[in-house]
Amino acid sequence: MPGIHPHAFVYLASQSPRRQQLLHQLGVAHRPLLANTDGDIAEDAEALEAERAGELPLAYVQRVTLAKLQAARARWQRRGLPPAPILCADTTVALGRRILGKPRDDADAAALLTALSGRTHRVMTCVAVSVGRRTRIQTSLSHVRFAELQPATVQRYVASGEPQGKAGAYAIQGALAGCIAHIEGSHSGIMGLPLFETATLLRAAGVALSI
């Protein structure tokens, strides 16, 4: 893009293997920019994701994404790393006004999946890219409808361990995909990194994509 210095790579402030995979799909070279490495100060990731009373899901996911980006920028500066765009993302599952976060334990995972059974919920993934002093942000909104989930199906899925660490207690690319009756929106956004929005932000930041 004329007037923008090209960048050879981006920093990905996420340990999600799905986000790494999706960046590879765009042909974007990336380096991890993660918290709590040896010799670094401690960071409380859970505190960043804590909900605020009365906060709506869209406001929540955008606030958390920007908070993660701010923490990543401080991490980058503290470590004296070479300049490059920094990418952060956060995914939130919402049922009405209710935010369905990562399950606390197996019982909570089962309760979340039971709440989603036979109903349509929203998946919002916010992406933020920082380059220099400029931050750009976009949010993908998708709707997902599960078929009725039988208790035995929920129990088997929870026992697989896959719900842990997943917003809403499921992964669309996992074993429960066969129970998803309808999707409207971005499949990659539901996975955790919407490719259209991400590509738009990266191009604006001067990052070359494969296409």
N, C-alpha and C. Protein backbone atom coordinates (compact mmCIF):
# COMPACT_ATOMS: atom_id res chain seq x y z
N MET A 1 0.86 -1.20 0.00
CA MET A 1 0.00 0.00 0.00
C MET A 1 0.88 1.24 0.00
N PRO A 2 0.71 2.21 -0.92
CA PRO A 2 1.57 3.37 -1.03
C PRO A 2 1.62 4.16 0.28
N GLY A 3 2.84 4.60 0.66
CA GLY A 3 2.99 5.43 1.84
C GLY A 3 3.10 4.67 3.14
N ILE A 4 2.97 3.35 3.11
CA ILE A 4 3.06 2.56 4.33
C ILE A 4 4.25 1.65 4.24
N HIS A 5 5.10 1.69 5.25
CA HIS A 5 6.28 0.84 5.26
C HIS A 5 5.85 -0.63 5.43
N PRO A 6 6.32 -1.52 4.55
CA PRO A 6 5.90 -2.92 4.66
C PRO A 6 6.51 -3.61 5.87
N HIS A 7 5.77 -4.51 6.45
CA HIS A 7 6.24 -5.25 7.63
C HIS A 7 6.41 -6.72 7.26
N ALA A 8 7.52 -7.30 7.71
CA ALA A 8 7.82 -8.69 7.37
C ALA A 8 7.07 -9.68 8.24
N PHE A 9 6.60 -9.23 9.42
CA PHE A 9 5.90 -10.13 10.32
C PHE A 9 5.03 -9.32 11.26
N VAL A 10 4.18 -10.00 12.01
CA VAL A 10 3.40 -9.37 13.06
C VAL A 10 3.63 -10.13 14.36
N TYR A 11 3.41 -9.45 15.46
CA TYR A 11 3.41 -10.11 16.76
C TYR A 11 1.98 -10.58 17.05
N LEU A 12 1.85 -11.83 17.44
CA LEU A 12 0.54 -12.38 17.81
C LEU A 12 0.50 -12.54 19.32
N ALA A 13 -0.32 -11.73 19.97
CA ALA A 13 -0.43 -11.77 21.42
C ALA A 13 -1.53 -12.75 21.82
N SER A 14 -1.37 -13.99 21.41
CA SER A 14 -2.33 -15.05 21.72
C SER A 14 -1.61 -16.38 21.60
N GLN A 15 -1.92 -17.29 22.52
CA GLN A 15 -1.33 -18.62 22.44
C GLN A 15 -2.26 -19.62 21.77
N SER A 16 -3.35 -19.13 21.20
CA SER A 16 -4.33 -20.00 20.55
C SER A 16 -3.75 -20.63 19.28
N PRO A 17 -3.69 -21.95 19.21
CA PRO A 17 -3.22 -22.58 17.98
C PRO A 17 -4.16 -22.32 16.79
N ARG A 18 -5.44 -22.06 17.06
CA ARG A 18 -6.38 -21.76 15.98
C ARG A 18 -6.05 -20.41 15.34
N ARG A 19 -5.72 -19.43 16.15
CA ARG A 19 -5.36 -18.12 15.59
C ARG A 19 -4.05 -18.21 14.82
N GLN A 20 -3.11 -18.99 15.30
CA GLN A 20 -1.87 -19.19 14.55
C GLN A 20 -2.17 -19.83 13.19
N GLN A 21 -3.02 -20.84 13.20
CA GLN A 21 -3.39 -21.54 11.96
C GLN A 21 -4.05 -20.58 10.98
N LEU A 22 -4.93 -19.73 11.46
CA LEU A 22 -5.65 -18.82 10.59
C LEU A 22 -4.73 -17.74 10.03
N LEU A 23 -3.75 -17.29 10.81
CA LEU A 23 -2.78 -16.34 10.27
C LEU A 23 -1.94 -16.99 9.18
N HIS A 24 -1.58 -18.26 9.39
CA HIS A 24 -0.86 -19.01 8.36
C HIS A 24 -1.69 -19.06 7.07
N GLN A 25 -3.01 -19.21 7.24
CA GLN A 25 -3.90 -19.28 6.07
C GLN A 25 -3.84 -18.00 5.25
N LEU A 26 -3.63 -16.87 5.92
CA LEU A 26 -3.50 -15.59 5.23
C LEU A 26 -2.09 -15.39 4.67
N GLY A 27 -1.17 -16.29 5.02
CA GLY A 27 0.21 -16.13 4.58
C GLY A 27 0.97 -15.08 5.35
N VAL A 28 0.59 -14.88 6.62
CA VAL A 28 1.21 -13.84 7.44
C VAL A 28 2.21 -14.47 8.41
N ALA A 29 3.46 -14.07 8.29
CA ALA A 29 4.48 -14.53 9.25
C ALA A 29 4.23 -13.86 10.60
N HIS A 30 4.36 -14.60 11.67
CA HIS A 30 4.08 -14.03 12.98
C HIS A 30 5.00 -14.62 14.05
N ARG A 31 5.18 -13.83 15.09
CA ARG A 31 5.97 -14.24 16.23
C ARG A 31 5.11 -14.10 17.49
N PRO A 32 5.26 -15.01 18.45
CA PRO A 32 4.45 -14.90 19.66
C PRO A 32 4.90 -13.74 20.55
N LEU A 33 3.93 -13.10 21.17
CA LEU A 33 4.20 -12.05 22.15
C LEU A 33 3.33 -12.36 23.37
N LEU A 34 3.80 -13.33 24.16
CA LEU A 34 2.99 -13.89 25.23
C LEU A 34 3.47 -13.43 26.60
N ALA A 35 2.58 -13.49 27.55
CA ALA A 35 2.88 -13.09 28.92
C ALA A 35 3.62 -14.18 29.67
N ASN A 36 4.22 -13.76 30.80
CA ASN A 36 4.78 -14.68 31.78
C ASN A 36 5.91 -15.56 31.24
N THR A 37 6.80 -14.98 30.45
CA THR A 37 8.00 -15.70 30.08
C THR A 37 9.05 -15.51 31.17
N ASP A 38 10.10 -16.30 31.14
CA ASP A 38 11.13 -16.23 32.17
C ASP A 38 11.68 -14.81 32.28
N GLY A 39 11.71 -14.32 33.51
CA GLY A 39 12.29 -13.01 33.76
C GLY A 39 11.33 -11.86 33.54
N ASP A 40 10.13 -12.13 33.06
CA ASP A 40 9.16 -11.07 32.82
C ASP A 40 8.31 -10.87 34.06
N ILE A 41 7.66 -9.72 34.15
CA ILE A 41 6.77 -9.50 35.28
C ILE A 41 5.50 -10.33 35.10
N ALA A 42 4.86 -10.64 36.21
CA ALA A 42 3.64 -11.45 36.16
C ALA A 42 2.50 -10.61 35.59
N GLU A 43 1.64 -11.26 34.80
CA GLU A 43 0.45 -10.60 34.27
C GLU A 43 -0.77 -11.45 34.61
N ASP A 44 -1.84 -10.79 34.98
CA ASP A 44 -3.07 -11.48 35.38
C ASP A 44 -4.05 -11.47 34.20
N ALA A 45 -3.97 -12.52 33.39
CA ALA A 45 -4.84 -12.60 32.21
C ALA A 45 -6.30 -12.70 32.61
N GLU A 46 -6.60 -13.41 33.69
CA GLU A 46 -7.99 -13.56 34.12
C GLU A 46 -8.60 -12.22 34.51
N ALA A 47 -7.79 -11.34 35.09
CA ALA A 47 -8.30 -10.03 35.49
C ALA A 47 -8.73 -9.23 34.26
N LEU A 48 -8.00 -9.38 33.16
CA LEU A 48 -8.36 -8.66 31.94
C LEU A 48 -9.71 -9.10 31.41
N GLU A 49 -10.06 -10.39 31.63
CA GLU A 49 -11.29 -10.94 31.09
C GLU A 49 -12.46 -10.87 32.07
N ALA A 50 -12.24 -10.27 33.23
CA ALA A 50 -13.31 -10.19 34.23
C ALA A 50 -14.46 -9.32 33.72
N GLU A 51 -15.69 -9.79 33.90
CA GLU A 51 -16.86 -9.03 33.46
C GLU A 51 -17.17 -7.90 34.44
N ARG A 52 -17.79 -6.87 33.91
CA ARG A 52 -18.25 -5.75 34.73
C ARG A 52 -19.77 -5.78 34.79
N ALA A 53 -20.29 -5.40 35.93
CA ALA A 53 -21.74 -5.45 36.13
C ALA A 53 -22.48 -4.65 35.07
N GLY A 54 -23.46 -5.28 34.45
CA GLY A 54 -24.29 -4.61 33.46
C GLY A 54 -23.66 -4.42 32.09
N GLU A 55 -22.46 -4.94 31.91
CA GLU A 55 -21.76 -4.76 30.64
C GLU A 55 -22.36 -5.67 29.57
N LEU A 56 -22.66 -5.10 28.41
CA LEU A 56 -23.20 -5.87 27.31
C LEU A 56 -22.09 -6.62 26.58
N PRO A 57 -22.42 -7.75 25.93
CA PRO A 57 -21.39 -8.59 25.31
C PRO A 57 -20.50 -7.87 24.31
N LEU A 58 -21.07 -7.01 23.45
CA LEU A 58 -20.26 -6.32 22.45
C LEU A 58 -19.27 -5.37 23.12
N ALA A 59 -19.75 -4.61 24.09
CA ALA A 59 -18.85 -3.69 24.81
C ALA A 59 -17.78 -4.48 25.55
N TYR A 60 -18.17 -5.63 26.08
CA TYR A 60 -17.21 -6.47 26.81
C TYR A 60 -16.09 -6.95 25.91
N VAL A 61 -16.43 -7.54 24.76
CA VAL A 61 -15.41 -8.13 23.91
C VAL A 61 -14.47 -7.06 23.35
N GLN A 62 -15.00 -5.88 23.06
CA GLN A 62 -14.15 -4.81 22.56
C GLN A 62 -13.24 -4.28 23.67
N ARG A 63 -13.76 -4.13 24.87
CA ARG A 63 -12.93 -3.65 25.98
C ARG A 63 -11.82 -4.64 26.30
N VAL A 64 -12.15 -5.92 26.35
CA VAL A 64 -11.15 -6.93 26.69
C VAL A 64 -10.06 -6.99 25.61
N THR A 65 -10.46 -6.91 24.35
CA THR A 65 -9.47 -6.94 23.27
C THR A 65 -8.51 -5.77 23.38
N LEU A 66 -9.02 -4.58 23.62
CA LEU A 66 -8.15 -3.41 23.73
C LEU A 66 -7.28 -3.49 24.99
N ALA A 67 -7.81 -4.08 26.06
CA ALA A 67 -6.99 -4.26 27.27
C ALA A 67 -5.85 -5.25 27.01
N LYS A 68 -6.14 -6.32 26.26
CA LYS A 68 -5.10 -7.28 25.90
C LYS A 68 -4.05 -6.61 25.01
N LEU A 69 -4.51 -5.76 24.10
CA LEU A 69 -3.58 -5.07 23.22
C LEU A 69 -2.68 -4.13 24.01
N GLN A 70 -3.26 -3.41 24.96
CA GLN A 70 -2.47 -2.50 25.78
C GLN A 70 -1.41 -3.27 26.57
N ALA A 71 -1.80 -4.42 27.11
CA ALA A 71 -0.85 -5.25 27.85
C ALA A 71 0.25 -5.77 26.93
N ALA A 72 -0.12 -6.13 25.70
CA ALA A 72 0.86 -6.64 24.75
C ALA A 72 1.83 -5.54 24.33
N ARG A 73 1.33 -4.34 24.12
CA ARG A 73 2.21 -3.23 23.76
C ARG A 73 3.21 -2.94 24.88
N ALA A 74 2.74 -2.98 26.12
CA ALA A 74 3.64 -2.77 27.26
C ALA A 74 4.70 -3.88 27.33
N ARG A 75 4.28 -5.09 27.03
CA ARG A 75 5.17 -6.26 27.02
C ARG A 75 6.25 -6.09 25.94
N TRP A 76 5.81 -5.66 24.75
CA TRP A 76 6.73 -5.44 23.64
C TRP A 76 7.77 -4.37 24.00
N GLN A 77 7.30 -3.27 24.59
CA GLN A 77 8.20 -2.17 24.95
C GLN A 77 9.16 -2.60 26.05
N ARG A 78 8.64 -3.33 27.03
CA ARG A 78 9.45 -3.77 28.17
C ARG A 78 10.59 -4.68 27.71
N ARG A 79 10.32 -5.50 26.70
CA ARG A 79 11.32 -6.47 26.24
C ARG A 79 12.25 -5.91 25.17
N GLY A 80 11.99 -4.67 24.74
CA GLY A 80 12.87 -4.06 23.76
C GLY A 80 12.90 -4.79 22.43
N LEU A 81 11.74 -5.24 21.98
CA LEU A 81 11.65 -6.02 20.75
C LEU A 81 11.64 -5.13 19.51
N PRO A 82 12.00 -5.68 18.36
CA PRO A 82 11.98 -4.90 17.12
C PRO A 82 10.55 -4.44 16.81
N PRO A 83 10.41 -3.31 16.12
CA PRO A 83 9.07 -2.82 15.78
C PRO A 83 8.37 -3.71 14.77
N ALA A 84 7.09 -3.91 14.97
CA ALA A 84 6.22 -4.65 14.05
C ALA A 84 4.79 -4.50 14.57
N PRO A 85 3.79 -4.67 13.71
CA PRO A 85 2.41 -4.60 14.18
C PRO A 85 2.13 -5.68 15.24
N ILE A 86 1.25 -5.35 16.16
CA ILE A 86 0.83 -6.28 17.20
C ILE A 86 -0.65 -6.59 16.99
N LEU A 87 -0.98 -7.87 16.99
CA LEU A 87 -2.36 -8.31 16.77
C LEU A 87 -2.89 -9.01 18.02
N CYS A 88 -4.07 -8.60 18.44
CA CYS A 88 -4.78 -9.24 19.56
C CYS A 88 -6.20 -9.55 19.13
N ALA A 89 -6.80 -10.53 19.78
CA ALA A 89 -8.20 -10.85 19.49
C ALA A 89 -8.83 -11.46 20.73
N ASP A 90 -10.14 -11.32 20.81
CA ASP A 90 -10.90 -11.96 21.89
C ASP A 90 -12.25 -12.40 21.34
N THR A 91 -12.70 -13.57 21.78
CA THR A 91 -13.98 -14.12 21.34
C THR A 91 -14.94 -14.25 22.51
N THR A 92 -16.15 -13.81 22.30
CA THR A 92 -17.18 -13.88 23.34
C THR A 92 -18.43 -14.55 22.77
N VAL A 93 -19.00 -15.45 23.54
CA VAL A 93 -20.26 -16.10 23.20
C VAL A 93 -21.36 -15.47 24.06
N ALA A 94 -22.46 -15.11 23.42
CA ALA A 94 -23.53 -14.44 24.16
C ALA A 94 -24.88 -15.09 23.87
N LEU A 95 -25.64 -15.27 24.91
CA LEU A 95 -27.00 -15.77 24.82
C LEU A 95 -27.89 -14.65 25.34
N GLY A 96 -28.49 -13.89 24.42
CA GLY A 96 -29.18 -12.68 24.84
C GLY A 96 -28.15 -11.69 25.37
N ARG A 97 -28.38 -11.16 26.55
CA ARG A 97 -27.44 -10.23 27.19
C ARG A 97 -26.40 -10.97 28.02
N ARG A 98 -26.56 -12.27 28.15
CA ARG A 98 -25.67 -13.05 29.01
C ARG A 98 -24.38 -13.42 28.28
N ILE A 99 -23.25 -13.15 28.93
CA ILE A 99 -21.94 -13.51 28.40
C ILE A 99 -21.59 -14.92 28.88
N LEU A 100 -21.32 -15.82 27.94
CA LEU A 100 -20.94 -17.18 28.29
C LEU A 100 -19.43 -17.31 28.12
N GLY A 101 -18.73 -17.26 29.23
CA GLY A 101 -17.27 -17.29 29.18
C GLY A 101 -16.71 -18.69 29.16
N LYS A 102 -15.44 -18.79 29.50
CA LYS A 102 -14.79 -20.09 29.56
C LYS A 102 -15.28 -20.83 30.81
N PRO A 103 -15.58 -22.11 30.70
CA PRO A 103 -16.13 -22.84 31.85
C PRO A 103 -15.11 -22.96 32.99
N ARG A 104 -15.64 -22.86 34.20
CA ARG A 104 -14.78 -22.98 35.39
C ARG A 104 -14.36 -24.43 35.62
N ASP A 105 -15.27 -25.36 35.29
CA ASP A 105 -15.01 -26.78 35.51
C ASP A 105 -15.96 -27.58 34.63
N ASP A 106 -15.94 -28.89 34.77
CA ASP A 106 -16.79 -29.74 33.93
C ASP A 106 -18.28 -29.47 34.14
N ALA A 107 -18.67 -29.24 35.38
CA ALA A 107 -20.09 -28.99 35.67
C ALA A 107 -20.54 -27.69 35.01
N ASP A 108 -19.70 -26.68 35.05
CA ASP A 108 -20.02 -25.41 34.42
C ASP A 108 -20.08 -25.57 32.90
N ALA A 109 -19.17 -26.36 32.33
CA ALA A 109 -19.19 -26.62 30.89
C ALA A 109 -20.49 -27.28 30.48
N ALA A 110 -20.94 -28.27 31.25
CA ALA A 110 -22.20 -28.96 30.95
C ALA A 110 -23.38 -28.00 31.04
N ALA A 111 -23.35 -27.10 32.02
CA ALA A 111 -24.43 -26.13 32.17
C ALA A 111 -24.48 -25.16 31.00
N LEU A 112 -23.31 -24.72 30.54
CA LEU A 112 -23.26 -23.80 29.40
C LEU A 112 -23.80 -24.46 28.13
N LEU A 113 -23.37 -25.69 27.88
CA LEU A 113 -23.82 -26.40 26.68
C LEU A 113 -25.32 -26.69 26.74
N THR A 114 -25.82 -27.00 27.90
CA THR A 114 -27.26 -27.23 28.06
C THR A 114 -28.04 -25.95 27.78
N ALA A 115 -27.48 -24.81 28.19
CA ALA A 115 -28.13 -23.52 27.92
C ALA A 115 -28.17 -23.22 26.42
N LEU A 116 -27.16 -23.67 25.68
CA LEU A 116 -27.09 -23.42 24.25
C LEU A 116 -27.93 -24.39 23.43
N SER A 117 -28.30 -25.51 24.02
CA SER A 117 -29.01 -26.57 23.31
C SER A 117 -30.31 -26.07 22.68
N GLY A 118 -30.44 -26.28 21.36
CA GLY A 118 -31.66 -25.93 20.66
C GLY A 118 -31.90 -24.45 20.47
N ARG A 119 -30.91 -23.63 20.75
CA ARG A 119 -31.10 -22.19 20.70
C ARG A 119 -30.04 -21.54 19.81
N THR A 120 -30.31 -20.31 19.41
CA THR A 120 -29.36 -19.53 18.62
C THR A 120 -28.62 -18.57 19.55
N HIS A 121 -27.31 -18.55 19.41
CA HIS A 121 -26.51 -17.63 20.20
C HIS A 121 -25.62 -16.82 19.27
N ARG A 122 -25.01 -15.79 19.81
CA ARG A 122 -24.10 -14.93 19.05
C ARG A 122 -22.66 -15.23 19.43
N VAL A 123 -21.79 -15.14 18.44
CA VAL A 123 -20.35 -15.23 18.67
C VAL A 123 -19.72 -13.96 18.14
N MET A 124 -19.07 -13.22 19.01
CA MET A 124 -18.41 -11.97 18.64
C MET A 124 -16.91 -12.13 18.82
N THR A 125 -16.17 -11.88 17.77
CA THR A 125 -14.71 -11.87 17.87
C THR A 125 -14.22 -10.50 17.45
N CYS A 126 -13.53 -9.86 18.36
CA CYS A 126 -12.96 -8.54 18.12
C CYS A 126 -11.47 -8.71 17.81
N VAL A 127 -11.00 -8.00 16.80
CA VAL A 127 -9.59 -8.02 16.41
C VAL A 127 -9.05 -6.60 16.49
N ALA A 128 -7.87 -6.46 17.06
CA ALA A 128 -7.21 -5.16 17.14
C ALA A 128 -5.78 -5.30 16.65
N VAL A 129 -5.35 -4.34 15.85
CA VAL A 129 -3.97 -4.31 15.35
C VAL A 129 -3.38 -2.94 15.68
N SER A 130 -2.22 -2.98 16.30
CA SER A 130 -1.51 -1.75 16.66
C SER A 130 -0.22 -1.68 15.88
N VAL A 131 0.03 -0.53 15.27
CA VAL A 131 1.30 -0.29 14.60
C VAL A 131 1.70 1.16 14.89
N GLY A 132 2.87 1.33 15.49
CA GLY A 132 3.25 2.66 15.95
C GLY A 132 2.27 3.14 17.01
N ARG A 133 1.75 4.34 16.82
CA ARG A 133 0.77 4.88 17.78
C ARG A 133 -0.67 4.65 17.32
N ARG A 134 -0.83 3.98 16.18
CA ARG A 134 -2.16 3.81 15.59
C ARG A 134 -2.74 2.44 15.94
N THR A 135 -3.96 2.43 16.42
CA THR A 135 -4.67 1.18 16.70
C THR A 135 -5.94 1.14 15.88
N ARG A 136 -6.15 0.02 15.21
CA ARG A 136 -7.37 -0.21 14.44
C ARG A 136 -8.08 -1.42 15.02
N ILE A 137 -9.41 -1.39 14.98
CA ILE A 137 -10.19 -2.45 15.61
C ILE A 137 -11.42 -2.77 14.75
N GLN A 138 -11.74 -4.04 14.63
CA GLN A 138 -12.97 -4.48 13.95
C GLN A 138 -13.56 -5.66 14.72
N THR A 139 -14.87 -5.82 14.63
CA THR A 139 -15.56 -6.90 15.33
C THR A 139 -16.42 -7.69 14.36
N SER A 140 -16.31 -9.00 14.41
CA SER A 140 -17.13 -9.91 13.61
C SER A 140 -18.27 -10.45 14.47
N LEU A 141 -19.47 -10.44 13.91
CA LEU A 141 -20.64 -10.96 14.62
C LEU A 141 -21.23 -12.12 13.82
N SER A 142 -21.39 -13.26 14.47
CA SER A 142 -22.00 -14.44 13.84
C SER A 142 -23.10 -14.99 14.73
N HIS A 143 -24.03 -15.72 14.10
CA HIS A 143 -25.10 -16.40 14.83
C HIS A 143 -24.95 -17.91 14.61
N VAL A 144 -25.07 -18.65 15.69
CA VAL A 144 -24.90 -20.11 15.65
C VAL A 144 -26.10 -20.75 16.34
N ARG A 145 -26.68 -21.76 15.68
CA ARG A 145 -27.80 -22.48 16.31
C ARG A 145 -27.44 -23.95 16.48
N PHE A 146 -27.52 -24.40 17.71
CA PHE A 146 -27.32 -25.81 18.01
C PHE A 146 -28.64 -26.56 17.87
N ALA A 147 -28.54 -27.80 17.42
CA ALA A 147 -29.68 -28.70 17.55
C ALA A 147 -29.85 -29.04 19.03
N GLU A 148 -30.92 -29.75 19.35
CA GLU A 148 -31.10 -30.20 20.73
C GLU A 148 -29.96 -31.14 21.10
N LEU A 149 -29.28 -30.83 22.19
CA LEU A 149 -28.17 -31.65 22.65
C LEU A 149 -28.66 -32.63 23.72
N GLN A 150 -28.53 -33.90 23.45
CA GLN A 150 -28.92 -34.90 24.43
C GLN A 150 -27.93 -34.89 25.61
N PRO A 151 -28.43 -35.17 26.82
CA PRO A 151 -27.53 -35.18 27.99
C PRO A 151 -26.31 -36.07 27.80
N ALA A 152 -26.49 -37.21 27.15
CA ALA A 152 -25.35 -38.12 26.93
C ALA A 152 -24.32 -37.48 26.00
N THR A 153 -24.79 -36.71 25.01
CA THR A 153 -23.88 -36.02 24.10
C THR A 153 -23.07 -34.97 24.86
N VAL A 154 -23.76 -34.23 25.70
CA VAL A 154 -23.07 -33.21 26.51
C VAL A 154 -22.04 -33.86 27.41
N GLN A 155 -22.41 -34.95 28.04
CA GLN A 155 -21.49 -35.64 28.96
C GLN A 155 -20.25 -36.14 28.22
N ARG A 156 -20.43 -36.72 27.05
CA ARG A 156 -19.28 -37.23 26.29
C ARG A 156 -18.37 -36.08 25.86
N TYR A 157 -18.99 -34.99 25.43
CA TYR A 157 -18.19 -33.85 24.97
C TYR A 157 -17.40 -33.24 26.12
N VAL A 158 -18.04 -33.08 27.25
CA VAL A 158 -17.35 -32.54 28.42
C VAL A 158 -16.21 -33.46 28.84
N ALA A 159 -16.45 -34.78 28.79
CA ALA A 159 -15.43 -35.75 29.17
C ALA A 159 -14.23 -35.72 28.24
N SER A 160 -14.43 -35.25 27.01
CA SER A 160 -13.32 -35.17 26.06
C SER A 160 -12.30 -34.10 26.45
N GLY A 161 -12.72 -33.16 27.29
CA GLY A 161 -11.84 -32.08 27.72
C GLY A 161 -11.82 -30.88 26.78
N GLU A 162 -12.47 -30.99 25.64
CA GLU A 162 -12.42 -29.91 24.65
C GLU A 162 -13.07 -28.61 25.12
N PRO A 163 -14.13 -28.65 25.95
CA PRO A 163 -14.76 -27.39 26.34
C PRO A 163 -13.86 -26.46 27.17
N GLN A 164 -12.88 -27.00 27.86
CA GLN A 164 -12.07 -26.16 28.72
C GLN A 164 -11.25 -25.15 27.92
N GLY A 165 -11.28 -23.91 28.40
CA GLY A 165 -10.56 -22.84 27.74
C GLY A 165 -11.27 -22.25 26.55
N LYS A 166 -12.52 -22.68 26.29
CA LYS A 166 -13.28 -22.19 25.14
C LYS A 166 -14.46 -21.35 25.61
N ALA A 167 -14.61 -20.18 25.04
CA ALA A 167 -15.79 -19.37 25.33
C ALA A 167 -17.04 -20.13 24.92
N GLY A 168 -18.02 -20.20 25.81
CA GLY A 168 -19.23 -20.94 25.53
C GLY A 168 -19.08 -22.44 25.64
N ALA A 169 -17.88 -22.91 25.99
CA ALA A 169 -17.60 -24.33 26.26
C ALA A 169 -17.62 -25.21 25.02
N TYR A 170 -17.33 -24.63 23.84
CA TYR A 170 -17.26 -25.49 22.65
C TYR A 170 -16.32 -24.89 21.62
N ALA A 171 -15.84 -25.73 20.72
CA ALA A 171 -15.02 -25.31 19.59
C ALA A 171 -15.72 -25.72 18.31
N ILE A 172 -15.95 -24.79 17.41
CA ILE A 172 -16.70 -25.10 16.19
C ILE A 172 -15.94 -26.08 15.29
N GLN A 173 -14.62 -26.12 15.41
CA GLN A 173 -13.83 -27.04 14.60
C GLN A 173 -13.66 -28.40 15.28
N GLY A 174 -14.34 -28.59 16.41
CA GLY A 174 -14.18 -29.82 17.17
C GLY A 174 -15.31 -30.81 16.97
N ALA A 175 -15.41 -31.74 17.92
CA ALA A 175 -16.34 -32.86 17.79
C ALA A 175 -17.81 -32.45 17.81
N LEU A 176 -18.11 -31.29 18.40
CA LEU A 176 -19.51 -30.87 18.52
C LEU A 176 -20.04 -30.23 17.24
N ALA A 177 -19.18 -30.09 16.23
CA ALA A 177 -19.61 -29.44 14.98
C ALA A 177 -20.79 -30.16 14.35
N GLY A 178 -20.89 -31.47 14.55
CA GLY A 178 -22.01 -32.23 13.99
C GLY A 178 -23.34 -31.92 14.62
N CYS A 179 -23.34 -31.12 15.68
CA CYS A 179 -24.59 -30.74 16.34
C CYS A 179 -24.98 -29.30 16.04
N ILE A 180 -24.20 -28.63 15.19
CA ILE A 180 -24.52 -27.25 14.83
C ILE A 180 -25.42 -27.25 13.60
N ALA A 181 -26.64 -26.77 13.79
CA ALA A 181 -27.65 -26.83 12.73
C ALA A 181 -27.53 -25.69 11.74
N HIS A 182 -27.07 -24.53 12.19
CA HIS A 182 -27.04 -23.38 11.29
C HIS A 182 -26.00 -22.37 11.75
N ILE A 183 -25.32 -21.76 10.78
CA ILE A 183 -24.36 -20.70 11.04
C ILE A 183 -24.67 -19.54 10.10
N GLU A 184 -24.66 -18.35 10.65
CA GLU A 184 -24.78 -17.13 9.84
C GLU A 184 -23.66 -16.20 10.26
N GLY A 185 -22.73 -15.93 9.35
CA GLY A 185 -21.62 -15.05 9.70
C GLY A 185 -20.29 -15.62 9.25
N SER A 186 -19.29 -15.53 10.11
CA SER A 186 -17.92 -15.88 9.77
C SER A 186 -17.48 -17.15 10.51
N HIS A 187 -17.20 -18.22 9.75
CA HIS A 187 -16.73 -19.46 10.37
C HIS A 187 -15.39 -19.23 11.06
N SER A 188 -14.49 -18.48 10.40
CA SER A 188 -13.19 -18.21 11.01
C SER A 188 -13.34 -17.31 12.24
N GLY A 189 -14.34 -16.42 12.20
CA GLY A 189 -14.60 -15.58 13.37
C GLY A 189 -15.05 -16.41 14.56
N ILE A 190 -15.87 -17.42 14.31
CA ILE A 190 -16.31 -18.30 15.39
C ILE A 190 -15.12 -19.11 15.92
N MET A 191 -14.18 -19.44 15.04
CA MET A 191 -12.96 -20.14 15.47
C MET A 191 -12.08 -19.26 16.34
N GLY A 192 -12.17 -17.95 16.15
CA GLY A 192 -11.38 -17.06 17.00
C GLY A 192 -10.60 -15.98 16.29
N LEU A 193 -10.62 -15.95 14.94
CA LEU A 193 -9.94 -14.89 14.21
C LEU A 193 -10.61 -14.71 12.85
N PRO A 194 -11.53 -13.75 12.74
CA PRO A 194 -12.25 -13.57 11.48
C PRO A 194 -11.30 -13.11 10.38
N LEU A 195 -11.19 -13.89 9.32
CA LEU A 195 -10.16 -13.63 8.32
C LEU A 195 -10.41 -12.36 7.52
N PHE A 196 -11.66 -12.06 7.20
CA PHE A 196 -11.92 -10.85 6.41
C PHE A 196 -11.52 -9.61 7.21
N GLU A 197 -11.99 -9.50 8.43
CA GLU A 197 -11.66 -8.34 9.26
C GLU A 197 -10.16 -8.26 9.55
N THR A 198 -9.56 -9.43 9.81
CA THR A 198 -8.13 -9.45 10.11
C THR A 198 -7.32 -9.01 8.89
N ALA A 199 -7.67 -9.53 7.72
CA ALA A 199 -6.96 -9.14 6.50
C ALA A 199 -7.10 -7.64 6.25
N THR A 200 -8.28 -7.10 6.48
CA THR A 200 -8.50 -5.66 6.28
C THR A 200 -7.60 -4.84 7.18
N LEU A 201 -7.52 -5.23 8.45
CA LEU A 201 -6.69 -4.50 9.41
C LEU A 201 -5.21 -4.63 9.09
N LEU A 202 -4.78 -5.82 8.70
CA LEU A 202 -3.36 -6.04 8.42
C LEU A 202 -2.93 -5.28 7.15
N ARG A 203 -3.78 -5.28 6.13
CA ARG A 203 -3.44 -4.50 4.92
C ARG A 203 -3.29 -3.02 5.28
N ALA A 204 -4.20 -2.51 6.10
CA ALA A 204 -4.13 -1.10 6.51
C ALA A 204 -2.87 -0.81 7.31
N ALA A 205 -2.35 -1.84 7.99
CA ALA A 205 -1.13 -1.70 8.78
C ALA A 205 0.13 -1.92 7.97
N GLY A 206 -0.03 -2.22 6.65
CA GLY A 206 1.12 -2.41 5.80
C GLY A 206 1.70 -3.80 5.80
N VAL A 207 0.89 -4.79 6.16
CA VAL A 207 1.35 -6.18 6.19
C VAL A 207 0.96 -6.86 4.87
N ALA A 208 1.91 -7.52 4.23
CA ALA A 208 1.64 -8.20 2.98
C ALA A 208 0.96 -9.54 3.25
N LEU A 209 -0.10 -9.84 2.50
CA LEU A 209 -0.81 -11.09 2.61
C LEU A 209 -0.51 -11.96 1.38
N SER A 210 -0.85 -13.23 1.44
CA SER A 210 -0.54 -14.13 0.33
C SER A 210 -1.37 -13.80 -0.91
N ILE A 211 -2.57 -13.24 -0.70
CA ILE A 211 -3.45 -12.87 -1.82
C ILE A 211 -3.98 -11.46 -1.58
